[in-house]
Amino acid sequence: MTTHGPVMPTWNCGGCDLPWPCPTRRRELRAEYADAPVSLALYLGSYLVQAAEDMPWMPAGVLHRRFLRWVREAERSKPAVQQRSTATVPAKPSRDRRQQSP
């Protein structure tokens, strides 16, 4: 279990006192949700809602950057996996076929 959890209602990290999620917790979350970025975004979105309730003076854009923006940035930095196409293109009929006799 990590010590880098949120301390509410200030939403600072319990491990390093930086704004939560701190860089350490972000690394942990990236590893934990490596194959499930949508689940990570939903998880952090629920925290964003709680933080907005605890800190109504905080602009929504600031909270969005703090809780969600880094998730998308992490996804974009991953190299894209190129899929091989299994589709085939039919060959064009040869012009010589019309001239050949059966």
Protein backbone atom coordinates (compact mmCIF):
# COMPACT_ATOMS: atom_id res chain seq x y z
CA MET A 1 0.00 0.00 0.00
CA THR A 2 1.30 3.43 -0.91
CA THR A 3 1.83 6.23 1.58
CA HIS A 4 1.09 8.70 -1.21
CA GLY A 5 -2.65 8.95 -0.66
CA PRO A 6 -4.75 12.12 -0.57
CA VAL A 7 -5.21 14.01 2.71
CA MET A 8 -8.61 15.62 2.59
CA PRO A 9 -9.93 18.30 2.50
CA THR A 10 -6.63 19.91 1.42
CA TRP A 11 -5.92 17.25 -1.20
CA ASN A 12 -2.22 17.18 -0.47
CA CYS A 13 -0.23 13.95 -0.56
CA GLY A 14 0.12 12.14 2.77
CA GLY A 15 3.61 10.98 1.80
CA CYS A 16 5.30 14.08 0.41
CA ASP A 17 2.80 16.94 1.02
CA LEU A 18 2.68 17.88 -2.68
CA PRO A 19 -0.68 18.41 -4.41
CA TRP A 20 -2.29 15.01 -4.88
CA PRO A 21 -1.84 13.05 -7.08
CA CYS A 22 1.85 13.70 -6.60
CA PRO A 23 4.49 12.53 -9.13
CA THR A 24 5.13 9.36 -7.11
CA ARG A 25 1.45 8.44 -7.00
CA ARG A 26 1.09 9.20 -10.69
CA ARG A 27 3.88 6.73 -11.48
CA GLU A 28 2.23 4.13 -9.26
CA LEU A 29 -1.15 4.67 -10.88
CA ARG A 30 0.32 4.47 -14.40
CA ALA A 31 1.86 1.12 -13.51
CA GLU A 32 -1.27 -0.16 -11.80
CA TYR A 33 -3.57 0.84 -14.68
CA ALA A 34 -1.11 0.28 -17.53
CA ASP A 35 -3.60 -1.76 -19.55
CA ALA A 36 -6.71 0.16 -18.46
CA PRO A 37 -6.36 3.91 -19.13
CA VAL A 38 -10.13 4.45 -19.24
CA SER A 39 -10.49 2.85 -15.82
CA LEU A 40 -7.74 5.11 -14.51
CA ALA A 41 -9.52 8.17 -15.89
CA LEU A 42 -12.80 7.08 -14.28
CA TYR A 43 -11.06 6.44 -10.97
CA LEU A 44 -9.40 9.85 -10.99
CA GLY A 45 -12.59 11.51 -12.21
CA SER A 46 -14.35 10.38 -9.07
CA TYR A 47 -11.56 11.98 -7.02
CA LEU A 48 -11.87 15.15 -9.07
CA VAL A 49 -15.55 15.40 -8.14
CA GLN A 50 -14.73 14.97 -4.45
CA ALA A 51 -11.93 17.56 -4.66
CA ALA A 52 -14.27 20.04 -6.37
CA GLU A 53 -16.69 19.65 -3.48
CA ASP A 54 -13.91 20.14 -0.90
CA MET A 55 -12.30 23.08 -2.73
CA PRO A 56 -15.09 25.11 -4.37
CA TRP A 57 -12.72 28.08 -4.81
CA MET A 58 -10.41 26.06 -7.08
CA PRO A 59 -11.04 26.68 -10.81
CA ALA A 60 -12.35 23.63 -12.65
CA GLY A 61 -9.55 23.82 -15.22
CA VAL A 62 -6.91 23.63 -12.52
CA LEU A 63 -8.54 20.55 -11.02
CA HIS A 64 -8.88 18.94 -14.45
CA ARG A 65 -5.18 19.43 -15.17
CA ARG A 66 -4.25 18.12 -11.75
CA PHE A 67 -6.42 14.99 -11.82
CA LEU A 68 -6.97 14.03 -15.45
CA ARG A 69 -4.78 15.81 -17.97
CA TRP A 70 -1.65 13.84 -17.13
CA VAL A 71 -3.49 10.58 -17.85
CA ARG A 72 -4.06 11.59 -21.48
CA GLU A 73 -0.52 12.89 -21.81
CA ALA A 74 0.82 9.55 -20.60
CA GLU A 75 -1.30 7.75 -23.21
CA ARG A 76 -0.06 9.99 -26.02
CA SER A 77 3.57 9.38 -25.08
CA LYS A 78 3.18 5.61 -25.59
CA PRO A 79 4.25 4.41 -29.02
CA ALA A 80 1.29 3.41 -31.14
CA VAL A 81 1.00 -0.25 -31.99
CA GLN A 82 0.61 -0.67 -35.69
CA GLN A 83 -1.92 -3.29 -36.68
CA ARG A 84 -1.40 -5.41 -39.75
CA SER A 85 -4.22 -5.26 -42.21
CA THR A 86 -5.81 -8.57 -43.13
CA ALA A 87 -7.85 -7.10 -45.95
CA THR A 88 -6.97 -8.13 -49.47
CA VAL A 89 -7.47 -6.14 -52.62
CA PRO A 90 -8.88 -8.13 -55.54
CA ALA A 91 -6.61 -8.21 -58.54
CA LYS A 92 -7.68 -6.32 -61.63
CA PRO A 93 -8.59 -8.58 -64.53
CA SER A 94 -5.86 -8.74 -67.11
CA ARG A 95 -6.47 -7.03 -70.43
CA ASP A 96 -4.99 -10.06 -72.15
CA ARG A 97 -7.88 -12.23 -70.96
CA ARG A 98 -10.31 -10.65 -73.39
CA GLN A 99 -8.06 -11.54 -76.28
CA GLN A 100 -7.51 -15.15 -75.23
CA SER A 101 -9.80 -17.82 -76.59
CA PRO A 102 -11.05 -20.65 -74.35
